[in-house]
């Protein structure tokens, strides 16, 4: 109902990537505000028997970050190298 077409351009993705790199390179940065997420919680809105969260605002960020994590997982999976982050850690992040 509230979802709109994915519309981030390369510019928004580049800015997000710059923010991630900046935060990752600086140990004194303990977090990064990626924007707010607005949703209707479990049990409030339900169109099926499966509990769902209905995202009202933040779809672009959630989608982009999810795609980034999927890409990272695939790179790790196909690499012979060793990383602090593993495919399993990415899949089970809570």
PDB file of N, CA and C in Angstrom:
ATOM      1  N   UNK A   1       0.820  -1.188   0.000  1.00  0.00           N
ATOM      2  CA  UNK A   1       0.000   0.000   0.000  1.00  0.00           C
ATOM      3  C   UNK A   1       0.876   1.269   0.000  1.00  0.00           C
ATOM      4  N   UNK A   2       1.924   1.283   0.824  1.00  0.00           N
ATOM      5  CA  UNK A   2       2.768   2.476   0.930  1.00  0.00           C
ATOM      6  C   UNK A   2       4.016   2.382   0.055  1.00  0.00           C
ATOM      7  N   UNK A   3       4.273   1.229  -0.530  1.00  0.00           N
ATOM      8  CA  UNK A   3       5.503   1.018  -1.278  1.00  0.00           C
ATOM      9  C   UNK A   3       5.488   1.827  -2.570  1.00  0.00           C
ATOM     10  N   UNK A   4       6.643   2.340  -2.932  1.00  0.00           N
ATOM     11  CA  UNK A   4       6.765   3.029  -4.204  1.00  0.00           C
ATOM     12  C   UNK A   4       7.921   2.394  -4.974  1.00  0.00           C
ATOM     13  N   UNK A   5       8.016   2.723  -6.241  1.00  0.00           N
ATOM     14  CA  UNK A   5       9.054   2.170  -7.097  1.00  0.00           C
ATOM     15  C   UNK A   5      10.439   2.580  -6.578  1.00  0.00           C
ATOM     16  N   UNK A   6      11.368   1.645  -6.626  1.00  0.00           N
ATOM     17  CA  UNK A   6      12.741   1.939  -6.228  1.00  0.00           C
ATOM     18  C   UNK A   6      13.279   3.043  -7.128  1.00  0.00           C
ATOM     19  N   UNK A   7      13.781   4.107  -6.536  1.00  0.00           N
ATOM     20  CA  UNK A   7      14.178   5.252  -7.360  1.00  0.00           C
ATOM     21  C   UNK A   7      15.540   5.838  -7.007  1.00  0.00           C
ATOM     22  N   UNK A   8      16.325   5.153  -6.206  1.00  0.00           N
ATOM     23  CA  UNK A   8      17.650   5.688  -5.910  1.00  0.00           C
ATOM     24  C   UNK A   8      18.483   5.685  -7.183  1.00  0.00           C
ATOM     25  N   UNK A   9      19.254   6.743  -7.343  1.00  0.00           N
ATOM     26  CA  UNK A   9      20.158   6.849  -8.488  1.00  0.00           C
ATOM     27  C   UNK A   9      21.568   6.478  -8.030  1.00  0.00           C
ATOM     28  N   UNK A  10      22.495   6.495  -8.971  1.00  0.00           N
ATOM     29  CA  UNK A  10      23.896   6.218  -8.620  1.00  0.00           C
ATOM     30  C   UNK A  10      24.395   7.200  -7.561  1.00  0.00           C
ATOM     31  N   UNK A  11      23.935   8.436  -7.623  1.00  0.00           N
ATOM     32  CA  UNK A  11      24.400   9.455  -6.680  1.00  0.00           C
ATOM     33  C   UNK A  11      24.058   9.085  -5.239  1.00  0.00           C
ATOM     34  N   UNK A  12      22.824   8.653  -4.979  1.00  0.00           N
ATOM     35  CA  UNK A  12      22.448   8.247  -3.621  1.00  0.00           C
ATOM     36  C   UNK A  12      23.246   7.017  -3.180  1.00  0.00           C
ATOM     37  N   UNK A  13      23.439   6.068  -4.102  1.00  0.00           N
ATOM     38  CA  UNK A  13      24.220   4.866  -3.773  1.00  0.00           C
ATOM     39  C   UNK A  13      25.679   5.221  -3.492  1.00  0.00           C
ATOM     40  N   UNK A  14      26.241   6.126  -4.284  1.00  0.00           N
ATOM     41  CA  UNK A  14      27.626   6.570  -4.058  1.00  0.00           C
ATOM     42  C   UNK A  14      27.767   7.240  -2.698  1.00  0.00           C
ATOM     43  N   UNK A  15      26.800   8.082  -2.345  1.00  0.00           N
ATOM     44  CA  UNK A  15      26.861   8.755  -1.047  1.00  0.00           C
ATOM     45  C   UNK A  15      26.793   7.750   0.092  1.00  0.00           C
ATOM     46  N   UNK A  16      25.906   6.779  -0.010  1.00  0.00           N
ATOM     47  CA  UNK A  16      25.812   5.737   1.015  1.00  0.00           C
ATOM     48  C   UNK A  16      27.138   4.984   1.118  1.00  0.00           C
ATOM     49  N   UNK A  17      27.732   4.631  -0.021  1.00  0.00           N
ATOM     50  CA  UNK A  17      28.999   3.908  -0.026  1.00  0.00           C
ATOM     51  C   UNK A  17      30.104   4.748   0.623  1.00  0.00           C
ATOM     52  N   UNK A  18      30.156   6.044   0.309  1.00  0.00           N
ATOM     53  CA  UNK A  18      31.148   6.937   0.934  1.00  0.00           C
ATOM     54  C   UNK A  18      30.962   6.972   2.451  1.00  0.00           C
ATOM     55  N   UNK A  19      29.714   7.020   2.901  1.00  0.00           N
ATOM     56  CA  UNK A  19      29.428   7.016   4.336  1.00  0.00           C
ATOM     57  C   UNK A  19      29.897   5.717   4.989  1.00  0.00           C
ATOM     58  N   UNK A  20      29.661   4.596   4.316  1.00  0.00           N
ATOM     59  CA  UNK A  20      30.080   3.290   4.849  1.00  0.00           C
ATOM     60  C   UNK A  20      31.597   3.220   4.938  1.00  0.00           C
ATOM     61  N   UNK A  21      32.282   3.631   3.881  1.00  0.00           N
ATOM     62  CA  UNK A  21      33.756   3.604   3.867  1.00  0.00           C
ATOM     63  C   UNK A  21      34.317   4.529   4.947  1.00  0.00           C
ATOM     64  N   UNK A  22      33.754   5.730   5.063  1.00  0.00           N
ATOM     65  CA  UNK A  22      34.228   6.684   6.083  1.00  0.00           C
ATOM     66  C   UNK A  22      34.076   6.095   7.479  1.00  0.00           C
ATOM     67  N   UNK A  23      32.913   5.523   7.764  1.00  0.00           N
ATOM     68  CA  UNK A  23      32.682   4.943   9.089  1.00  0.00           C
ATOM     69  C   UNK A  23      33.558   3.716   9.319  1.00  0.00           C
ATOM     70  N   UNK A  24      33.784   2.935   8.272  1.00  0.00           N
ATOM     71  CA  UNK A  24      34.605   1.725   8.407  1.00  0.00           C
ATOM     72  C   UNK A  24      36.082   1.999   8.605  1.00  0.00           C
ATOM     73  N   UNK A  25      36.561   3.118   8.105  1.00  0.00           N
ATOM     74  CA  UNK A  25      37.982   3.453   8.216  1.00  0.00           C
ATOM     75  C   UNK A  25      38.336   4.144   9.524  1.00  0.00           C
ATOM     76  N   UNK A  26      37.347   4.624  10.252  1.00  0.00           N
ATOM     77  CA  UNK A  26      37.603   5.426  11.439  1.00  0.00           C
ATOM     78  C   UNK A  26      37.043   4.715  12.673  1.00  0.00           C
ATOM     79  N   UNK A  27      37.928   4.167  13.511  1.00  0.00           N
ATOM     80  CA  UNK A  27      37.495   3.431  14.706  1.00  0.00           C
ATOM     81  C   UNK A  27      36.779   4.308  15.726  1.00  0.00           C
ATOM     82  N   UNK A  28      36.958   5.632  15.625  1.00  0.00           N
ATOM     83  CA  UNK A  28      36.287   6.503  16.587  1.00  0.00           C
ATOM     84  C   UNK A  28      34.811   6.729  16.221  1.00  0.00           C
ATOM     85  N   UNK A  29      34.424   6.362  15.006  1.00  0.00           N
ATOM     86  CA  UNK A  29      33.017   6.464  14.597  1.00  0.00           C
ATOM     87  C   UNK A  29      32.320   5.186  15.045  1.00  0.00           C
ATOM     88  N   UNK A  30      31.414   5.318  16.004  1.00  0.00           N
ATOM     89  CA  UNK A  30      30.760   4.139  16.580  1.00  0.00           C
ATOM     90  C   UNK A  30      29.454   3.789  15.892  1.00  0.00           C
ATOM     91  N   UNK A  31      28.984   4.625  15.004  1.00  0.00           N
ATOM     92  CA  UNK A  31      27.734   4.351  14.315  1.00  0.00           C
ATOM     93  C   UNK A  31      27.504   5.352  13.214  1.00  0.00           C
ATOM     94  N   UNK A  32      26.455   5.112  12.465  1.00  0.00           N
ATOM     95  CA  UNK A  32      26.102   6.021  11.384  1.00  0.00           C
ATOM     96  C   UNK A  32      24.585   6.059  11.266  1.00  0.00           C
ATOM     97  N   UNK A  33      24.020   7.233  11.282  1.00  0.00           N
ATOM     98  CA  UNK A  33      22.583   7.375  11.120  1.00  0.00           C
ATOM     99  C   UNK A  33      22.248   7.308   9.638  1.00  0.00           C
ATOM    100  N   UNK A  34      21.559   6.249   9.236  1.00  0.00           N
ATOM    101  CA  UNK A  34      21.219   6.042   7.828  1.00  0.00           C
ATOM    102  C   UNK A  34      19.811   6.518   7.508  1.00  0.00           C
ATOM    103  N   UNK A  35      19.190   7.208   8.422  1.00  0.00           N
ATOM    104  CA  UNK A  35      17.842   7.697   8.196  1.00  0.00           C
ATOM    105  C   UNK A  35      16.838   6.902   9.005  1.00  0.00           C
ATOM    106  N   UNK A  36      15.641   7.423   9.073  1.00  0.00           N
ATOM    107  CA  UNK A  36      14.615   6.761   9.867  1.00  0.00           C
ATOM    108  C   UNK A  36      13.884   5.711   9.044  1.00  0.00           C
ATOM    109  N   UNK A  37      13.350   4.731   9.740  1.00  0.00           N
ATOM    110  CA  UNK A  37      12.511   3.696   9.143  1.00  0.00           C
ATOM    111  C   UNK A  37      11.167   3.784   9.855  1.00  0.00           C
ATOM    112  N   UNK A  38      10.111   3.948   9.103  1.00  0.00           N
ATOM    113  CA  UNK A  38       8.771   4.014   9.679  1.00  0.00           C
ATOM    114  C   UNK A  38       8.011   2.784   9.213  1.00  0.00           C
ATOM    115  N   UNK A  39       7.425   2.062  10.170  1.00  0.00           N
ATOM    116  CA  UNK A  39       6.697   0.844   9.813  1.00  0.00           C
ATOM    117  C   UNK A  39       5.518   0.639  10.749  1.00  0.00           C
ATOM    118  N   UNK A  40       4.601  -0.207  10.295  1.00  0.00           N
ATOM    119  CA  UNK A  40       3.489  -0.635  11.136  1.00  0.00           C
ATOM    120  C   UNK A  40       3.883  -1.998  11.674  1.00  0.00           C
ATOM    121  N   UNK A  41       3.832  -2.151  12.983  1.00  0.00           N
ATOM    122  CA  UNK A  41       4.336  -3.339  13.643  1.00  0.00           C
ATOM    123  C   UNK A  41       3.481  -4.582  13.523  1.00  0.00           C
ATOM    124  N   UNK A  42       4.062  -5.654  13.992  1.00  0.00           N
ATOM    125  CA  UNK A  42       3.459  -6.975  13.983  1.00  0.00           C
ATOM    126  C   UNK A  42       2.059  -6.952  14.611  1.00  0.00           C
ATOM    127  N   UNK A  43       1.113  -7.540  13.903  1.00  0.00           N
ATOM    128  CA  UNK A  43      -0.222  -7.677  14.445  1.00  0.00           C
ATOM    129  C   UNK A  43      -1.130  -6.485  14.215  1.00  0.00           C
ATOM    130  N   UNK A  44      -0.566  -5.334  13.884  1.00  0.00           N
ATOM    131  CA  UNK A  44      -1.380  -4.151  13.660  1.00  0.00           C
ATOM    132  C   UNK A  44      -2.005  -4.206  12.268  1.00  0.00           C
ATOM    133  N   UNK A  45      -1.226  -4.621  11.296  1.00  0.00           N
ATOM    134  CA  UNK A  45      -1.694  -4.721   9.923  1.00  0.00           C
ATOM    135  C   UNK A  45      -1.328  -6.106   9.420  1.00  0.00           C
ATOM    136  N   UNK A  46      -2.282  -6.859   8.970  1.00  0.00           N
ATOM    137  CA  UNK A  46      -1.997  -8.210   8.528  1.00  0.00           C
ATOM    138  C   UNK A  46      -2.914  -8.580   7.366  1.00  0.00           C
ATOM    139  N   UNK A  47      -2.325  -8.933   6.228  1.00  0.00           N
ATOM    140  CA  UNK A  47      -3.123  -9.357   5.080  1.00  0.00           C
ATOM    141  C   UNK A  47      -3.085 -10.869   4.915  1.00  0.00           C
ATOM    142  N   UNK A  48      -2.193 -11.544   5.639  1.00  0.00           N
ATOM    143  CA  UNK A  48      -2.101 -13.000   5.632  1.00  0.00           C
ATOM    144  C   UNK A  48      -1.900 -13.472   7.061  1.00  0.00           C
ATOM    145  N   UNK A  49      -1.808 -14.775   7.232  1.00  0.00           N
ATOM    146  CA  UNK A  49      -1.570 -15.334   8.557  1.00  0.00           C
ATOM    147  C   UNK A  49      -0.117 -15.152   8.998  1.00  0.00           C
ATOM    148  N   UNK A  50       0.770 -14.793   8.068  1.00  0.00           N
ATOM    149  CA  UNK A  50       2.185 -14.606   8.380  1.00  0.00           C
ATOM    150  C   UNK A  50       2.388 -13.183   8.882  1.00  0.00           C
ATOM    151  N   UNK A  51       2.911 -13.014  10.112  1.00  0.00           N
ATOM    152  CA  UNK A  51       3.153 -11.660  10.631  1.00  0.00           C
ATOM    153  C   UNK A  51       4.131 -10.904   9.730  1.00  0.00           C
ATOM    154  N   UNK A  52       3.833  -9.663   9.453  1.00  0.00           N
ATOM    155  CA  UNK A  52       4.674  -8.858   8.576  1.00  0.00           C
ATOM    156  C   UNK A  52       4.852  -7.465   9.159  1.00  0.00           C
ATOM    157  N   UNK A  53       5.957  -6.831   8.776  1.00  0.00           N
ATOM    158  CA  UNK A  53       6.141  -5.412   9.039  1.00  0.00           C
ATOM    159  C   UNK A  53       5.852  -4.688   7.742  1.00  0.00           C
ATOM    160  N   UNK A  54       5.056  -3.679   7.804  1.00  0.00           N
ATOM    161  CA  UNK A  54       4.748  -2.890   6.625  1.00  0.00           C
ATOM    162  C   UNK A  54       5.569  -1.603   6.701  1.00  0.00           C
ATOM    163  N   UNK A  55       6.572  -1.503   5.826  1.00  0.00           N
ATOM    164  CA  UNK A  55       7.455  -0.338   5.826  1.00  0.00           C
ATOM    165  C   UNK A  55       6.756   0.814   5.118  1.00  0.00           C
ATOM    166  N   UNK A  56       6.655   1.929   5.816  1.00  0.00           N
ATOM    167  CA  UNK A  56       5.999   3.118   5.272  1.00  0.00           C
ATOM    168  C   UNK A  56       7.039   4.097   4.742  1.00  0.00           C
ATOM    169  N   UNK A  57       8.160   4.221   5.436  1.00  0.00           N
ATOM    170  CA  UNK A  57       9.232   5.096   4.978  1.00  0.00           C
ATOM    171  C   UNK A  57      10.562   4.438   5.276  1.00  0.00           C
ATOM    172  N   UNK A  58      11.476   4.471   4.315  1.00  0.00           N
ATOM    173  CA  UNK A  58      12.799   3.872   4.484  1.00  0.00           C
ATOM    174  C   UNK A  58      13.040   2.727   3.529  1.00  0.00           C
ATOM    175  N   UNK A  59      12.109   2.491   2.594  1.00  0.00           N
ATOM    176  CA  UNK A  59      12.239   1.377   1.665  1.00  0.00           C
ATOM    177  C   UNK A  59      13.517   1.463   0.829  1.00  0.00           C
ATOM    178  N   UNK A  60      13.867   2.654   0.374  1.00  0.00           N
ATOM    179  CA  UNK A  60      15.047   2.822  -0.480  1.00  0.00           C
ATOM    180  C   UNK A  60      16.318   2.402   0.265  1.00  0.00           C
ATOM    181  N   UNK A  61      16.457   2.870   1.517  1.00  0.00           N
ATOM    182  CA  UNK A  61      17.645   2.526   2.307  1.00  0.00           C
ATOM    183  C   UNK A  61      17.687   1.039   2.626  1.00  0.00           C
ATOM    184  N   UNK A  62      16.558   0.486   3.042  1.00  0.00           N
ATOM    185  CA  UNK A  62      16.516  -0.946   3.368  1.00  0.00           C
ATOM    186  C   UNK A  62      16.850  -1.804   2.151  1.00  0.00           C
ATOM    187  N   UNK A  63      16.291  -1.450   1.012  1.00  0.00           N
ATOM    188  CA  UNK A  63      16.550  -2.209  -0.215  1.00  0.00           C
ATOM    189  C   UNK A  63      18.014  -2.107  -0.614  1.00  0.00           C
ATOM    190  N   UNK A  64      18.555  -0.906  -0.598  1.00  0.00           N
ATOM    191  CA  UNK A  64      19.946  -0.702  -1.000  1.00  0.00           C
ATOM    192  C   UNK A  64      20.906  -1.424  -0.060  1.00  0.00           C
ATOM    193  N   UNK A  65      20.684  -1.316   1.244  1.00  0.00           N
ATOM    194  CA  UNK A  65      21.557  -1.997   2.202  1.00  0.00           C
ATOM    195  C   UNK A  65      21.425  -3.510   2.096  1.00  0.00           C
ATOM    196  N   UNK A  66      20.230  -4.008   1.832  1.00  0.00           N
ATOM    197  CA  UNK A  66      20.038  -5.448   1.650  1.00  0.00           C
ATOM    198  C   UNK A  66      20.796  -5.930   0.420  1.00  0.00           C
ATOM    199  N   UNK A  67      20.695  -5.199  -0.684  1.00  0.00           N
ATOM    200  CA  UNK A  67      21.424  -5.566  -1.899  1.00  0.00           C
ATOM    201  C   UNK A  67      22.933  -5.525  -1.670  1.00  0.00           C
ATOM    202  N   UNK A  68      23.393  -4.540  -0.908  1.00  0.00           N
ATOM    203  CA  UNK A  68      24.816  -4.446  -0.590  1.00  0.00           C
ATOM    204  C   UNK A  68      25.272  -5.659   0.222  1.00  0.00           C
ATOM    205  N   UNK A  69      24.483  -6.062   1.207  1.00  0.00           N
ATOM    206  CA  UNK A  69      24.837  -7.235   2.014  1.00  0.00           C
ATOM    207  C   UNK A  69      24.823  -8.516   1.184  1.00  0.00           C
ATOM    208  N   UNK A  70      23.883  -8.633   0.267  1.00  0.00           N
ATOM    209  CA  UNK A  70      23.846  -9.805  -0.617  1.00  0.00           C
ATOM    210  C   UNK A  70      25.092  -9.842  -1.488  1.00  0.00           C
ATOM    211  N   UNK A  71      25.483  -8.692  -2.040  1.00  0.00           N
ATOM    212  CA  UNK A  71      26.684  -8.625  -2.870  1.00  0.00           C
ATOM    213  C   UNK A  71      27.929  -8.977  -2.055  1.00  0.00           C
ATOM    214  N   UNK A  72      28.020  -8.448  -0.840  1.00  0.00           N
ATOM    215  CA  UNK A  72      29.154  -8.750   0.032  1.00  0.00           C
ATOM    216  C   UNK A  72      29.213 -10.237   0.348  1.00  0.00           C
ATOM    217  N   UNK A  73      28.080 -10.827   0.646  1.00  0.00           N
ATOM    218  CA  UNK A  73      28.014 -12.262   0.918  1.00  0.00           C
ATOM    219  C   UNK A  73      28.511 -13.070  -0.273  1.00  0.00           C
ATOM    220  N   UNK A  74      28.104 -12.678  -1.489  1.00  0.00           N
ATOM    221  CA  UNK A  74      28.524 -13.392  -2.694  1.00  0.00           C
ATOM    222  C   UNK A  74      30.025 -13.261  -2.935  1.00  0.00           C
ATOM    223  N   UNK A  75      30.580 -12.084  -2.673  1.00  0.00           N
ATOM    224  CA  UNK A  75      32.021 -11.891  -2.839  1.00  0.00           C
ATOM    225  C   UNK A  75      32.782 -12.780  -1.855  1.00  0.00           C
ATOM    226  N   UNK A  76      32.334 -12.805  -0.618  1.00  0.00           N
ATOM    227  CA  UNK A  76      32.990 -13.643   0.393  1.00  0.00           C
ATOM    228  C   UNK A  76      32.879 -15.108   0.022  1.00  0.00           C
ATOM    229  N   UNK A  77      31.704 -15.508  -0.421  1.00  0.00           N
ATOM    230  CA  UNK A  77      31.450 -16.904  -0.791  1.00  0.00           C
ATOM    231  C   UNK A  77      32.365 -17.352  -1.933  1.00  0.00           C
ATOM    232  N   UNK A  78      32.618 -16.474  -2.888  1.00  0.00           N
ATOM    233  CA  UNK A  78      33.429 -16.837  -4.048  1.00  0.00           C
ATOM    234  C   UNK A  78      34.910 -16.573  -3.881  1.00  0.00           C
ATOM    235  N   UNK A  79      35.333 -16.140  -2.707  1.00  0.00           N
ATOM    236  CA  UNK A  79      36.726 -15.767  -2.492  1.00  0.00           C
ATOM    237  C   UNK A  79      37.476 -16.838  -1.712  1.00  0.00           C
ATOM    238  N   UNK A  80      38.756 -16.920  -1.985  1.00  0.00           N
ATOM    239  CA  UNK A  80      39.632 -17.823  -1.245  1.00  0.00           C
ATOM    240  C   UNK A  80      40.196 -17.150   0.006  1.00  0.00           C
ATOM    241  N   UNK A  81      40.012 -15.851   0.110  1.00  0.00           N
ATOM    242  CA  UNK A  81      40.576 -15.084   1.212  1.00  0.00           C
ATOM    243  C   UNK A  81      39.862 -15.331   2.530  1.00  0.00           C
ATOM    244  N   UNK A  82      40.430 -14.768   3.592  1.00  0.00           N
ATOM    245  CA  UNK A  82      39.793 -14.836   4.902  1.00  0.00           C
ATOM    246  C   UNK A  82      39.361 -13.428   5.295  1.00  0.00           C
ATOM    247  N   UNK A  83      38.210 -13.354   5.942  1.00  0.00           N
ATOM    248  CA  UNK A  83      37.620 -12.069   6.300  1.00  0.00           C
ATOM    249  C   UNK A  83      37.126 -12.125   7.735  1.00  0.00           C
ATOM    250  N   UNK A  84      37.069 -10.955   8.393  1.00  0.00           N
ATOM    251  CA  UNK A  84      36.461 -10.879   9.718  1.00  0.00           C
ATOM    252  C   UNK A  84      34.960 -11.107   9.629  1.00  0.00           C
ATOM    253  N   UNK A  85      34.377 -10.699   8.514  1.00  0.00           N
ATOM    254  CA  UNK A  85      32.949 -10.902   8.277  1.00  0.00           C
ATOM    255  C   UNK A  85      32.804 -12.156   7.430  1.00  0.00           C
ATOM    256  N   UNK A  86      31.886 -13.029   7.822  1.00  0.00           N
ATOM    257  CA  UNK A  86      31.663 -14.246   7.072  1.00  0.00           C
ATOM    258  C   UNK A  86      30.281 -14.254   6.436  1.00  0.00           C
ATOM    259  N   UNK A  87      30.100 -15.139   5.483  1.00  0.00           N
ATOM    260  CA  UNK A  87      28.791 -15.295   4.843  1.00  0.00           C
ATOM    261  C   UNK A  87      27.724 -15.594   5.890  1.00  0.00           C
ATOM    262  N   UNK A  88      28.058 -16.460   6.834  1.00  0.00           N
ATOM    263  CA  UNK A  88      27.103 -16.832   7.867  1.00  0.00           C
ATOM    264  C   UNK A  88      26.743 -15.635   8.758  1.00  0.00           C
ATOM    265  N   UNK A  89      27.732 -14.813   9.114  1.00  0.00           N
ATOM    266  CA  UNK A  89      27.462 -13.629   9.929  1.00  0.00           C
ATOM    267  C   UNK A  89      26.531 -12.664   9.207  1.00  0.00           C
ATOM    268  N   UNK A  90      26.701 -12.518   7.904  1.00  0.00           N
ATOM    269  CA  UNK A  90      25.841 -11.626   7.132  1.00  0.00           C
ATOM    270  C   UNK A  90      24.414 -12.168   7.106  1.00  0.00           C
ATOM    271  N   UNK A  91      24.262 -13.453   6.905  1.00  0.00           N
ATOM    272  CA  UNK A  91      22.935 -14.066   6.808  1.00  0.00           C
ATOM    273  C   UNK A  91      22.200 -14.068   8.135  1.00  0.00           C
ATOM    274  N   UNK A  92      22.918 -14.081   9.252  1.00  0.00           N
ATOM    275  CA  UNK A  92      22.262 -14.226  10.549  1.00  0.00           C
ATOM    276  C   UNK A  92      22.309 -12.956  11.397  1.00  0.00           C
ATOM    277  N   UNK A  93      22.643 -11.833  10.789  1.00  0.00           N
ATOM    278  CA  UNK A  93      22.710 -10.580  11.530  1.00  0.00           C
ATOM    279  C   UNK A  93      21.330 -10.251  12.100  1.00  0.00           C
ATOM    280  N   UNK A  94      21.317  -9.847  13.376  1.00  0.00           N
ATOM    281  CA  UNK A  94      20.032  -9.527  14.017  1.00  0.00           C
ATOM    282  C   UNK A  94      20.048  -8.116  14.537  1.00  0.00           C
TER     283      UNK A  94
END
